Amino acid sequence: MTSSVFDSERLLFTPATANTDAIPLIFAFPNEYSVGITSLGYQVVWATLAMRDDVQVSRLFTDTREQLPREPEILGFSMSWELDYVNILNLLESLAIPIRANSRNEHHPLIFGGGPVLTANPEPFADFFDVILLGDGEDLLGNFIEAYKQVRNASRETQLKTLAQVPGIYIPSLYAVEYQDKDGELKSIKPISAEIPAIVQKQTYRGNTLSASTVVTEKAAWENIYMVEVVRSCPEMCRFCLASYLTLPFRTASLEGSLIPAIERGLKVTNRLGLLGASVTQHPEFTELLDYIIQPKYDDVRLSIASVRTNTVTVQLAKTLAQRDTRSLTIAVESGSEKLRQIINKKLHNDEIIQAAANAKAGGLSNLKLYGMAGIPGEEPEDLEATVAMMRSIKKAVPGLRLTFGCSTFVPKAHTPFQWFGVNRQAEKRLQMLQKQLKPQGIEFRPESYNWSIIQALLSRGDRRLSQLLELTRDFGDSLGSYKRAFKQLKGQIPDLDFYVHANWSTEQVLPWSHLQGPLPQSTLLKHLAEAKSHFNSTQKQLQPLNS
């Protein structure tokens, strides 16, 4: 692919002219251009760097690149999908940079990474990075560049020690990890010297201007889309949900000060508008925002909205979407079982779901996608039957509305109250059971691959010992079989797949991310865990995670 892909870009910012001594920096997305340029996080960080005159930034993707500097000082990766680690290792090799941080010398650029995957749990990938940025980039990115400028000509060791003092900057090589034994639990994670902070705190941006697209292009995966972040985090706090717990507190963009000016800017260059956020409709002025978008002057605008909260689906919302070229709406219901909803803290009732479906149809939408989950801690076969019954009752109450049920397997995520639970071994069978029951009802069932959930769980609860495994699987390919093969090869050197994926962990054990502080302290997560377990039935209460 030639540079023509960059020629199609319409920029919504003005790049600065770099100084003669600007820092040569490569900012990479470890996937194809069409995927990377659709990532709002990538766009915003790139534009932030490009608007600085003390940085000369070039972009790199797996299938195309801008002119790269001969001797870059910094190379950064934005990581939003776990399996992209393969592309990170490949890109490093293509630039003749050792893939492990401890093999690099003074002549190699500093390799940094950021994004949701690394903020949640960077440990499986820690050995590949010199620097990891934890949390929101708004202030962190500038602080990183400023701190680097102070030590630009110093030794690599001095650079890393200085950067480690900046809140939110994590330097993995400055922390020593000890294990009970080679394939056992973690014993401790401690800084290698007293001047390095013992705990790295994820950074939280607290302003009321959130992100918006900095570039619009027909070559994006969602072509010509202009994205606006309406809310950040989610006030619901479902116990398994990384999007809520990792990004707390819930923040909303100011309507007059930020959202409307951003939308006006974007709609000058395109008529496709995407409203982003974990629960967009919970913006306190969402109705006013909709009123603004349905003005006659925006009649040709095509609107897409990320997942919405069930009890905020009004006829007016459905009508607006239908008029704006959207046919379907997505809501996350997790389960049809009241008991499970109490366990996960999903404040929702079946009648509200039926009402949302009725409103969607009344407003002119033709399809409703519901998202659920199998293998939730505390789940029993009758809870799945409750989900089937719920889907049937929606179908009956709102005939003519196409129903899709997407279903994933529960995967434990760091910094959530469910981080101590393993993946339910019955989950695959349970997905098959749902498929068997729902298909004959004329409900489209879309399960997420169970094998992919296993790999996701491995990476979401992994520690540094996995770096050896990740290097091996790169040669074997990214199927579950490759991971099993790599585990076999490393038997005795690292714990088995079971330890990372299926085991319920004790709440006393050291977690791979114990030295990385998320928004809530462990004591709060434990309180939320206890609350969830209070809804388990009596036999399940005997289950771990044990408060030993």
Protein backbone atom coordinates (compact mmCIF):
# COMPACT_ATOMS: atom_id res chain seq x y z
CA MET A 1 0.00 0.00 0.00
CA THR A 2 1.42 3.39 -0.95
CA SER A 3 1.15 6.78 0.69
CA SER A 4 -2.12 7.38 -1.21
CA VAL A 5 -3.94 6.00 1.82
CA PHE A 6 -2.72 9.08 3.74
CA ASP A 7 -3.84 11.35 0.85
CA SER A 8 -7.50 10.50 1.59
CA GLU A 9 -7.27 11.89 5.13
CA ARG A 10 -9.15 15.03 6.13
CA LEU A 11 -7.49 16.42 9.24
CA LEU A 12 -9.45 18.23 11.92
CA PHE A 13 -6.34 19.71 13.52
CA THR A 14 -3.33 21.68 12.33
CA PRO A 15 -0.02 19.83 12.64
CA ALA A 16 2.87 21.91 13.97
CA THR A 17 6.09 22.50 12.07
CA ALA A 18 8.73 20.59 13.98
CA ASN A 19 11.80 22.36 15.40
CA THR A 20 15.22 21.44 14.02
CA ASP A 21 16.01 19.50 17.20
CA ALA A 22 12.56 17.89 17.56
CA ILE A 23 12.48 14.35 18.99
CA PRO A 24 12.15 11.81 16.12
CA LEU A 25 9.27 9.56 17.24
CA ILE A 26 7.39 6.71 15.58
CA PHE A 27 3.81 6.10 16.74
CA ALA A 28 2.60 2.67 15.64
CA PHE A 29 -0.68 0.79 15.64
CA PRO A 30 -0.01 -2.97 15.54
CA ASN A 31 -2.62 -3.73 12.89
CA GLU A 32 -3.66 -2.60 9.44
CA TYR A 33 -4.18 1.08 8.67
CA SER A 34 -7.98 0.73 8.27
CA VAL A 35 -8.23 -0.72 11.80
CA GLY A 36 -5.75 1.65 13.45
CA ILE A 37 -7.19 4.83 11.97
CA THR A 38 -10.63 3.81 13.26
CA SER A 39 -9.29 3.73 16.84
CA LEU A 40 -10.21 7.02 18.52
CA GLY A 41 -7.44 6.54 21.09
CA TYR A 42 -4.82 6.16 18.36
CA GLN A 43 -6.10 9.19 16.44
CA VAL A 44 -6.07 11.45 19.49
CA VAL A 45 -2.56 10.49 20.67
CA TRP A 46 -1.17 10.88 17.16
CA ALA A 47 -2.75 14.34 16.78
CA THR A 48 -1.54 15.41 20.24
CA LEU A 49 2.03 14.50 19.23
CA ALA A 50 1.69 16.04 15.75
CA MET A 51 0.58 19.37 17.26
CA ARG A 52 3.85 19.66 19.27
CA ASP A 53 6.79 21.40 17.65
CA ASP A 54 9.28 19.52 19.87
CA VAL A 55 8.31 16.14 18.36
CA GLN A 56 8.57 14.91 14.78
CA VAL A 57 6.03 12.05 14.61
CA SER A 58 5.71 9.39 11.88
CA ARG A 59 2.98 6.75 11.79
CA LEU A 60 3.53 3.03 11.30
CA PHE A 61 0.95 0.27 10.61
CA THR A 62 1.40 -3.36 9.62
CA ASP A 63 0.52 -2.63 5.97
CA THR A 64 1.74 0.93 5.45
CA ARG A 65 3.95 3.61 6.97
CA GLU A 66 4.89 7.25 6.65
CA GLN A 67 8.53 8.16 5.99
CA LEU A 68 10.27 6.87 9.15
CA PRO A 69 13.22 8.66 10.81
CA ARG A 70 16.61 6.97 10.38
CA GLU A 71 17.34 7.10 14.09
CA PRO A 72 14.11 7.31 16.07
CA GLU A 73 14.53 8.07 19.79
CA ILE A 74 11.08 6.83 20.81
CA LEU A 75 8.77 4.19 19.32
CA GLY A 76 5.27 3.92 20.76
CA PHE A 77 2.46 1.38 20.32
CA SER A 78 -1.25 1.86 20.98
CA MET A 79 -2.62 -1.53 22.03
CA SER A 80 -6.35 -2.11 22.03
CA TRP A 81 -6.55 -5.83 21.19
CA GLU A 82 -4.64 -8.54 23.08
CA LEU A 83 -3.58 -10.64 20.09
CA ASP A 84 -1.95 -7.65 18.41
CA TYR A 85 1.15 -8.45 20.48
CA VAL A 86 2.23 -10.68 17.57
CA ASN A 87 2.29 -7.63 15.29
CA ILE A 88 4.23 -5.61 17.87
CA LEU A 89 6.98 -8.26 17.91
CA ASN A 90 6.97 -8.44 14.09
CA LEU A 91 7.19 -4.66 13.70
CA LEU A 92 10.08 -4.45 16.19
CA GLU A 93 11.95 -7.10 14.23
CA SER A 94 11.27 -5.37 10.92
CA LEU A 95 12.98 -2.27 12.38
CA ALA A 96 15.93 -4.38 13.64
CA ILE A 97 15.03 -3.70 17.29
CA PRO A 98 15.40 -6.57 19.81
CA ILE A 99 11.96 -7.68 21.01
CA ARG A 100 12.99 -7.91 24.67
CA ALA A 101 13.75 -4.72 26.55
CA ASN A 102 16.77 -6.26 28.31
CA SER A 103 18.47 -6.93 24.94
CA ARG A 104 18.31 -3.28 23.83
CA ASN A 105 21.21 -0.87 24.19
CA GLU A 106 21.86 2.89 24.11
CA HIS A 107 21.42 2.97 20.31
CA HIS A 108 17.89 1.59 20.31
CA PRO A 109 14.82 3.81 20.69
CA LEU A 110 12.81 3.67 23.93
CA ILE A 111 9.80 1.44 23.28
CA PHE A 112 6.60 2.58 24.99
CA GLY A 113 3.07 1.22 24.97
CA GLY A 114 -0.33 2.44 26.10
CA GLY A 115 -4.02 1.72 25.57
CA PRO A 116 -6.70 -0.36 27.32
CA VAL A 117 -4.93 -3.75 27.14
CA LEU A 118 -1.76 -2.47 28.78
CA THR A 119 -3.59 -0.33 31.34
CA ALA A 120 -5.62 -3.35 32.51
CA ASN A 121 -2.73 -5.79 32.93
CA PRO A 122 0.58 -5.11 31.16
CA GLU A 123 2.45 -8.02 32.79
CA PRO A 124 2.31 -10.69 30.02
CA PHE A 125 3.78 -8.06 27.65
CA ALA A 126 6.02 -6.25 30.18
CA ASP A 127 9.32 -7.73 28.96
CA PHE A 128 8.78 -6.28 25.48
CA PHE A 129 8.41 -2.64 26.61
CA ASP A 130 10.83 -0.15 28.16
CA VAL A 131 8.00 2.15 29.21
CA ILE A 132 4.26 1.59 29.75
CA LEU A 133 1.77 4.45 30.16
CA LEU A 134 -1.09 3.52 32.51
CA GLY A 135 -4.44 5.26 32.11
CA ASP A 136 -5.78 8.28 30.29
CA GLY A 137 -3.35 9.92 27.89
CA GLU A 138 -4.63 13.51 28.18
CA ASP A 139 -2.04 14.66 30.75
CA LEU A 140 0.17 11.56 30.84
CA LEU A 141 1.46 11.89 27.28
CA GLY A 142 2.67 15.47 27.73
CA ASN A 143 4.26 14.59 31.09
CA PHE A 144 6.09 11.70 29.42
CA ILE A 145 7.53 13.88 26.61
CA GLU A 146 8.53 16.67 29.03
CA ALA A 147 10.27 14.22 31.38
CA TYR A 148 12.06 12.58 28.44
CA LYS A 149 13.33 15.98 27.22
CA GLN A 150 15.06 16.52 30.59
CA VAL A 151 17.10 13.31 30.14
CA ARG A 152 17.24 13.13 26.37
CA ASN A 153 21.04 12.96 26.30
CA ALA A 154 21.49 10.87 29.44
CA SER A 155 22.17 7.12 29.58
CA ARG A 156 19.28 4.72 29.07
CA GLU A 157 19.45 3.76 32.75
CA THR A 158 19.11 7.39 33.86
CA GLN A 159 16.28 7.95 31.38
CA LEU A 160 14.29 5.01 32.75
CA LYS A 161 14.88 5.90 36.41
CA THR A 162 13.79 9.49 35.77
CA LEU A 163 10.68 8.47 33.81
CA ALA A 164 9.69 6.08 36.63
CA GLN A 165 9.15 9.12 38.89
CA VAL A 166 6.33 10.43 36.68
CA PRO A 167 2.89 9.34 37.98
CA GLY A 168 1.36 6.74 35.63
CA ILE A 169 4.66 5.83 33.94
CA TYR A 170 5.55 2.20 34.60
CA ILE A 171 9.06 0.92 33.85
CA PRO A 172 8.78 -2.90 34.09
CA SER A 173 12.55 -3.51 34.21
CA LEU A 174 12.78 -1.57 37.49
CA TYR A 175 10.54 -4.08 39.31
CA ALA A 176 11.73 -7.51 40.40
CA VAL A 177 9.22 -10.36 40.47
CA GLU A 178 9.64 -13.39 42.73
CA TYR A 179 7.62 -16.62 42.55
CA GLN A 180 6.89 -19.24 45.25
CA ASP A 181 8.40 -21.66 42.72
CA LYS A 182 8.89 -21.72 38.94
CA ASP A 183 5.37 -22.84 38.17
CA GLY A 184 3.71 -21.53 41.34
CA GLU A 185 2.03 -18.37 42.57
CA LEU A 186 3.67 -14.98 42.73
CA LYS A 187 5.56 -14.22 45.91
CA SER A 188 6.28 -10.51 45.47
CA ILE A 189 6.72 -7.64 43.01
CA LYS A 190 9.05 -4.96 44.34
CA PRO A 191 11.01 -2.03 42.92
CA ILE A 192 14.71 -2.84 42.55
CA SER A 193 15.76 0.27 44.50
CA ALA A 194 14.32 2.65 47.09
CA GLU A 195 14.01 5.60 44.69
CA ILE A 196 11.53 3.74 42.44
CA PRO A 197 7.86 4.04 43.55
CA ALA A 198 6.49 0.79 45.03
CA ILE A 199 3.05 1.40 43.47
CA VAL A 200 2.31 2.91 40.04
CA GLN A 201 -0.99 4.77 39.94
CA LYS A 202 -3.14 4.65 36.80
CA GLN A 203 -3.80 8.21 35.59
CA THR A 204 -7.34 9.60 35.38
CA TYR A 205 -8.24 12.65 33.32
CA ARG A 206 -10.94 14.67 35.07
CA GLY A 207 -11.79 17.34 32.50
CA ASN A 208 -15.20 17.70 30.81
CA THR A 209 -13.88 17.86 27.25
CA LEU A 210 -13.60 14.27 26.04
CA SER A 211 -12.12 12.90 22.81
CA ALA A 212 -13.31 13.46 19.26
CA SER A 213 -11.93 12.34 15.90
CA THR A 214 -8.87 14.19 14.65
CA VAL A 215 -9.08 12.67 11.16
CA VAL A 216 -11.84 11.44 8.86
CA THR A 217 -11.11 9.09 5.95
CA GLU A 218 -12.92 6.74 3.58
CA LYS A 219 -10.10 4.23 4.18
CA ALA A 220 -11.16 3.65 7.81
CA ALA A 221 -12.90 0.39 8.76
CA TRP A 222 -16.00 2.55 9.45
CA GLU A 223 -15.58 4.70 6.42
CA ASN A 224 -15.80 8.49 6.81
CA ILE A 225 -16.97 8.20 10.41
CA TYR A 226 -16.48 11.09 12.81
CA MET A 227 -16.44 9.85 16.41
CA VAL A 228 -17.29 11.79 19.54
CA GLU A 229 -16.78 10.44 23.05
CA VAL A 230 -19.94 11.37 24.96
CA VAL A 231 -19.16 9.67 28.29
CA ARG A 232 -16.18 7.88 29.78
CA SER A 233 -16.58 4.86 32.11
CA CYS A 234 -20.02 3.65 33.23
CA PRO A 235 -21.93 4.33 36.45
CA GLU A 236 -23.54 0.86 36.48
CA MET A 237 -20.49 -1.04 37.78
CA CYS A 238 -21.40 -4.55 36.70
CA ARG A 239 -19.01 -6.69 38.77
CA PHE A 240 -17.19 -8.26 35.78
CA CYS A 241 -16.90 -5.10 33.70
CA LEU A 242 -13.48 -3.70 32.89
CA ALA A 243 -14.98 -0.78 30.93
CA SER A 244 -16.56 0.43 34.14
CA TYR A 245 -14.13 -0.47 36.95
CA LEU A 246 -10.86 0.33 35.17
CA THR A 247 -11.98 3.77 33.95
CA LEU A 248 -13.86 5.13 36.97
CA PRO A 249 -15.12 7.71 37.79
CA PHE A 250 -17.96 8.18 35.28
CA ARG A 251 -17.32 11.40 33.35
CA THR A 252 -19.51 13.23 30.86
CA ALA A 253 -18.54 15.72 28.17
CA SER A 254 -20.04 19.17 28.57
CA LEU A 255 -22.88 19.61 26.06
CA GLU A 256 -22.42 23.28 25.15
CA GLY A 257 -18.71 23.50 25.91
CA SER A 258 -17.49 20.37 24.16
CA LEU A 259 -20.02 18.04 22.49
CA ILE A 260 -21.92 20.45 20.24
CA PRO A 261 -18.80 22.32 19.02
CA ALA A 262 -17.10 18.95 18.34
CA ILE A 263 -20.10 17.63 16.39
CA GLU A 264 -20.33 20.84 14.36
CA ARG A 265 -16.64 20.56 13.50
CA GLY A 266 -16.99 16.96 12.33
CA LEU A 267 -20.20 17.37 10.34
CA LYS A 268 -18.48 19.98 8.18
CA VAL A 269 -16.34 17.20 6.66
CA THR A 270 -18.59 14.12 6.79
CA ASN A 271 -22.20 13.08 7.37
CA ARG A 272 -21.41 9.99 9.44
CA LEU A 273 -21.48 10.52 13.18
CA GLY A 274 -20.63 7.95 15.86
CA LEU A 275 -21.43 8.61 19.52
CA LEU A 276 -19.06 6.61 21.71
CA GLY A 277 -19.06 5.54 25.35
CA ALA A 278 -19.96 2.56 27.52
CA SER A 279 -23.39 4.03 28.29
CA VAL A 280 -23.95 6.99 25.99
CA THR A 281 -27.64 7.39 26.87
CA GLN A 282 -26.74 8.02 30.50
CA HIS A 283 -25.31 11.42 29.67
CA PRO A 284 -27.41 13.79 31.84
CA GLU A 285 -28.28 15.92 28.78
CA PHE A 286 -28.69 13.10 26.29
CA THR A 287 -32.21 14.22 25.29
CA GLU A 288 -30.88 17.71 24.47
CA LEU A 289 -28.06 16.14 22.48
CA LEU A 290 -30.58 14.14 20.42
CA ASP A 291 -32.70 17.28 19.87
CA TYR A 292 -29.59 18.98 18.52
CA ILE A 293 -28.81 16.12 16.10
CA ILE A 294 -32.38 15.89 14.75
CA GLN A 295 -32.39 19.48 13.46
CA PRO A 296 -33.45 19.63 9.79
CA LYS A 297 -29.98 20.89 8.76
CA TYR A 298 -28.63 17.47 9.76
CA ASP A 299 -31.23 15.47 7.83
CA ASP A 300 -28.61 13.63 5.78
CA VAL A 301 -26.54 12.60 8.82
CA ARG A 302 -26.09 8.89 9.46
CA LEU A 303 -25.91 8.27 13.19
CA SER A 304 -24.49 5.27 15.07
CA ILE A 305 -24.56 4.85 18.81
CA ALA A 306 -22.49 2.43 20.90
CA SER A 307 -24.35 0.09 23.27
CA VAL A 308 -27.13 1.82 25.22
CA ARG A 309 -28.63 1.12 28.63
CA THR A 310 -31.87 -0.86 28.33
CA ASN A 311 -34.13 1.41 30.35
CA THR A 312 -33.04 4.50 28.38
CA VAL A 313 -34.43 3.17 25.08
CA THR A 314 -37.33 5.52 24.36
CA VAL A 315 -39.53 5.68 21.26
CA GLN A 316 -37.92 9.07 20.56
CA LEU A 317 -34.40 7.57 20.61
CA ALA A 318 -35.46 4.73 18.28
CA LYS A 319 -37.21 7.20 15.97
CA THR A 320 -34.14 9.45 15.77
CA LEU A 321 -31.91 6.48 14.96
CA ALA A 322 -34.33 5.16 12.32
CA GLN A 323 -34.51 8.60 10.68
CA ARG A 324 -30.72 8.74 10.75
CA ASP A 325 -30.16 5.52 8.84
CA THR A 326 -29.69 3.14 11.78
CA ARG A 327 -31.69 -0.09 11.64
CA SER A 328 -30.67 -1.73 14.86
CA LEU A 329 -29.90 -1.05 18.49
CA THR A 330 -27.61 -2.92 20.89
CA ILE A 331 -28.32 -3.49 24.58
CA ALA A 332 -26.38 -5.55 27.11
CA VAL A 333 -28.69 -7.69 29.25
CA GLU A 334 -26.12 -10.33 30.39
CA SER A 335 -28.76 -12.84 31.49
CA GLY A 336 -32.48 -13.48 31.82
CA SER A 337 -32.02 -14.62 35.41
CA GLU A 338 -32.89 -12.18 38.22
CA LYS A 339 -30.50 -14.01 40.58
CA LEU A 340 -27.55 -13.62 38.20
CA ARG A 341 -28.34 -9.97 37.68
CA GLN A 342 -28.14 -9.47 41.43
CA ILE A 343 -24.79 -11.30 41.51
CA ILE A 344 -23.32 -9.06 38.81
CA ASN A 345 -25.07 -5.88 40.00
CA LYS A 346 -27.05 -5.44 36.77
CA LYS A 347 -29.95 -3.24 37.81
CA LEU A 348 -32.45 -4.42 35.23
CA HIS A 349 -35.74 -6.34 35.00
CA ASN A 350 -37.23 -8.40 32.19
CA ASP A 351 -40.21 -6.07 31.80
CA GLU A 352 -37.78 -3.19 31.10
CA ILE A 353 -36.16 -5.28 28.35
CA ILE A 354 -39.54 -6.02 26.77
CA GLN A 355 -40.42 -2.32 27.00
CA ALA A 356 -37.12 -1.40 25.30
CA ALA A 357 -37.89 -3.85 22.48
CA ALA A 358 -41.41 -2.44 22.08
CA ASN A 359 -40.05 1.13 22.00
CA ALA A 360 -37.39 0.15 19.46
CA LYS A 361 -40.05 -1.26 17.14
CA ALA A 362 -42.48 1.61 17.70
CA GLY A 363 -39.72 4.06 16.75
CA GLY A 364 -39.12 2.25 13.47
CA LEU A 365 -36.08 0.06 14.17
CA SER A 366 -36.11 -3.41 12.63
CA ASN A 367 -33.45 -5.23 14.65
CA LEU A 368 -32.55 -5.48 18.32
CA LYS A 369 -29.21 -7.01 19.36
CA LEU A 370 -28.97 -8.26 22.92
CA TYR A 371 -25.68 -9.16 24.56
CA GLY A 372 -25.44 -11.91 27.14
CA MET A 373 -22.85 -13.99 28.88
CA ALA A 374 -22.41 -17.66 29.78
CA GLY A 375 -20.40 -18.96 32.72
CA ILE A 376 -21.00 -16.00 35.04
CA PRO A 377 -19.82 -16.89 38.58
CA GLY A 378 -22.76 -18.35 40.49
CA GLU A 379 -24.56 -19.43 37.28
CA GLU A 380 -26.53 -22.68 37.20
CA PRO A 381 -28.35 -24.44 34.31
CA GLU A 382 -31.69 -22.91 35.35
CA ASP A 383 -30.23 -19.42 34.87
CA LEU A 384 -29.65 -20.22 31.19
CA GLU A 385 -33.20 -21.50 30.93
CA ALA A 386 -34.30 -18.12 32.30
CA THR A 387 -32.37 -16.44 29.46
CA VAL A 388 -34.12 -18.61 26.85
CA ALA A 389 -37.49 -17.83 28.47
CA MET A 390 -36.70 -14.11 28.41
CA MET A 391 -35.82 -14.21 24.70
CA ARG A 392 -39.06 -16.10 23.98
CA SER A 393 -41.12 -13.57 25.85
CA ILE A 394 -39.53 -10.65 23.93
CA LYS A 395 -40.23 -12.45 20.65
CA LYS A 396 -43.85 -12.97 21.67
CA ALA A 397 -44.39 -9.46 23.01
CA VAL A 398 -42.84 -7.69 20.01
CA PRO A 399 -43.51 -9.78 16.89
CA GLY A 400 -41.79 -8.62 13.72
CA LEU A 401 -38.70 -7.26 15.44
CA ARG A 402 -35.60 -9.21 14.41
CA LEU A 403 -33.81 -10.44 17.51
CA THR A 404 -30.11 -11.26 17.70
CA PHE A 405 -28.56 -12.69 20.86
CA GLY A 406 -24.79 -12.31 21.05
CA CYS A 407 -23.20 -14.30 23.82
CA SER A 408 -19.67 -14.40 25.22
CA THR A 409 -18.07 -16.48 27.97
CA PHE A 410 -17.30 -14.79 31.28
CA VAL A 411 -13.60 -13.79 31.35
CA PRO A 412 -12.01 -12.48 34.59
CA LYS A 413 -10.52 -9.00 34.25
CA ALA A 414 -7.94 -7.24 36.41
CA HIS A 415 -9.14 -4.46 38.75
CA THR A 416 -12.71 -5.84 38.87
CA PRO A 417 -14.34 -7.72 41.79
CA PHE A 418 -14.47 -10.86 39.62
CA GLN A 419 -10.69 -10.93 38.96
CA TRP A 420 -10.36 -13.84 41.43
CA PHE A 421 -12.79 -16.16 39.56
CA GLY A 422 -11.68 -18.54 36.81
CA VAL A 423 -13.46 -19.32 33.54
CA ASN A 424 -16.29 -21.83 33.99
CA ARG A 425 -15.38 -25.13 32.30
CA GLN A 426 -19.05 -25.69 31.45
CA ALA A 427 -19.29 -22.45 29.47
CA GLU A 428 -18.73 -24.02 26.05
CA LYS A 429 -21.52 -26.58 26.64
CA ARG A 430 -23.76 -23.78 27.88
CA LEU A 431 -23.23 -21.75 24.71
CA GLN A 432 -24.20 -24.85 22.69
CA MET A 433 -27.30 -25.32 24.83
CA LEU A 434 -28.40 -21.71 24.18
CA GLN A 435 -27.83 -22.17 20.45
CA LYS A 436 -29.97 -25.32 20.43
CA GLN A 437 -32.82 -23.63 22.30
CA LEU A 438 -32.85 -20.26 20.53
CA LYS A 439 -32.39 -21.25 16.87
CA PRO A 440 -35.77 -22.97 16.53
CA GLN A 441 -37.39 -19.80 17.98
CA GLY A 442 -36.15 -17.81 14.98
CA ILE A 443 -33.69 -15.90 17.16
CA GLU A 444 -30.28 -15.39 15.62
CA PHE A 445 -27.62 -16.63 18.06
CA ARG A 446 -24.07 -15.30 17.76
CA PRO A 447 -21.68 -16.89 20.25
CA GLU A 448 -18.21 -15.49 20.72
CA SER A 449 -15.60 -18.22 20.31
CA TYR A 450 -15.03 -20.10 23.58
CA ASN A 451 -11.40 -20.76 22.58
CA TRP A 452 -10.82 -17.05 22.10
CA SER A 453 -12.26 -16.47 25.60
CA ILE A 454 -9.70 -18.92 27.01
CA ILE A 455 -6.84 -16.99 25.35
CA GLN A 456 -8.34 -13.71 26.56
CA ALA A 457 -8.49 -15.01 30.14
CA LEU A 458 -4.90 -16.21 29.90
CA LEU A 459 -3.71 -12.76 28.84
CA SER A 460 -6.00 -10.87 31.23
CA ARG A 461 -4.69 -12.79 34.29
CA GLY A 462 -1.18 -13.50 33.05
CA ASP A 463 2.15 -12.57 34.64
CA ARG A 464 5.62 -11.98 33.20
CA ARG A 465 6.37 -15.67 32.79
CA LEU A 466 4.02 -15.63 29.80
CA SER A 467 6.46 -13.62 27.68
CA GLN A 468 8.30 -16.88 26.85
CA LEU A 469 4.98 -18.45 25.90
CA LEU A 470 4.00 -15.49 23.70
CA GLU A 471 7.27 -15.69 21.80
CA LEU A 472 6.65 -19.39 21.12
CA THR A 473 3.00 -19.03 20.06
CA ARG A 474 4.02 -16.38 17.54
CA ASP A 475 5.76 -19.14 15.60
CA PHE A 476 2.91 -21.62 16.10
CA GLY A 477 0.00 -19.33 15.06
CA ASP A 478 -2.79 -17.82 17.18
CA SER A 479 -5.13 -20.77 17.74
CA LEU A 480 -5.79 -22.29 21.16
CA GLY A 481 -3.85 -25.36 19.97
CA SER A 482 -0.71 -23.21 19.62
CA TYR A 483 -1.00 -22.02 23.20
CA LYS A 484 -1.44 -25.57 24.47
CA ARG A 485 1.59 -26.65 22.46
CA ALA A 486 3.66 -23.83 23.95
CA PHE A 487 2.52 -24.73 27.49
CA LYS A 488 3.64 -28.31 26.84
CA GLN A 489 7.05 -27.11 25.72
CA LEU A 490 7.45 -24.92 28.83
CA LYS A 491 6.15 -27.51 31.30
CA GLY A 492 7.76 -27.06 34.71
CA GLN A 493 9.06 -23.60 33.82
CA ILE A 494 5.74 -21.76 34.07
CA PRO A 495 2.33 -22.63 35.60
CA ASP A 496 -0.12 -24.55 33.40
CA LEU A 497 -3.04 -23.10 31.42
CA ASP A 498 -5.38 -24.15 34.20
CA PHE A 499 -3.66 -21.95 36.79
CA TYR A 500 -4.18 -18.81 34.71
CA VAL A 501 -7.55 -19.56 33.15
CA HIS A 502 -9.80 -21.87 35.20
CA ALA A 503 -8.54 -21.67 38.77
CA ASN A 504 -10.37 -19.57 41.33
CA TRP A 505 -7.64 -17.56 43.02
CA SER A 506 -7.40 -16.92 46.73
CA THR A 507 -8.07 -13.31 47.70
CA GLU A 508 -4.86 -13.49 49.77
CA GLN A 509 -2.50 -14.20 46.90
CA VAL A 510 -0.28 -11.61 45.21
CA LEU A 511 -1.83 -10.68 41.86
CA PRO A 512 0.35 -9.97 38.80
CA TRP A 513 -0.91 -6.36 38.89
CA SER A 514 -0.72 -5.87 42.69
CA HIS A 515 1.87 -3.08 42.22
CA LEU A 516 -0.34 -1.24 39.72
CA GLN A 517 -3.16 0.72 41.35
CA GLY A 518 -6.48 1.03 39.52
CA PRO A 519 -9.25 3.49 40.47
CA LEU A 520 -10.49 1.44 43.46
CA PRO A 521 -8.49 -0.07 46.31
CA GLN A 522 -8.52 -3.84 46.78
CA SER A 523 -10.61 -3.45 49.96
CA THR A 524 -13.47 -1.98 47.88
CA LEU A 525 -13.20 -4.74 45.26
CA LEU A 526 -13.37 -7.34 48.06
CA LYS A 527 -16.47 -5.66 49.47
CA HIS A 528 -18.12 -5.82 46.03
CA LEU A 529 -17.05 -9.47 45.69
CA ALA A 530 -18.63 -10.34 49.05
CA GLU A 531 -21.84 -8.58 48.01
CA ALA A 532 -21.94 -10.64 44.79
CA LYS A 533 -21.31 -13.89 46.66
CA SER A 534 -24.12 -13.17 49.12
CA HIS A 535 -26.51 -13.97 46.25
CA PHE A 536 -24.89 -17.36 45.49
CA ASN A 537 -26.87 -20.43 46.53
CA SER A 538 -25.71 -22.30 49.63
CA THR A 539 -23.58 -24.93 47.83
CA GLN A 540 -21.83 -22.30 45.73
CA LYS A 541 -20.98 -20.25 48.78
CA GLN A 542 -18.46 -22.97 49.59
CA LEU A 543 -16.63 -22.15 46.36
CA GLN A 544 -13.50 -20.10 46.17
CA PRO A 545 -12.25 -17.45 45.70
CA LEU A 546 -11.55 -18.18 49.34
CA ASN A 547 -11.05 -15.46 51.86
CA SER A 548 -8.53 -17.64 53.59
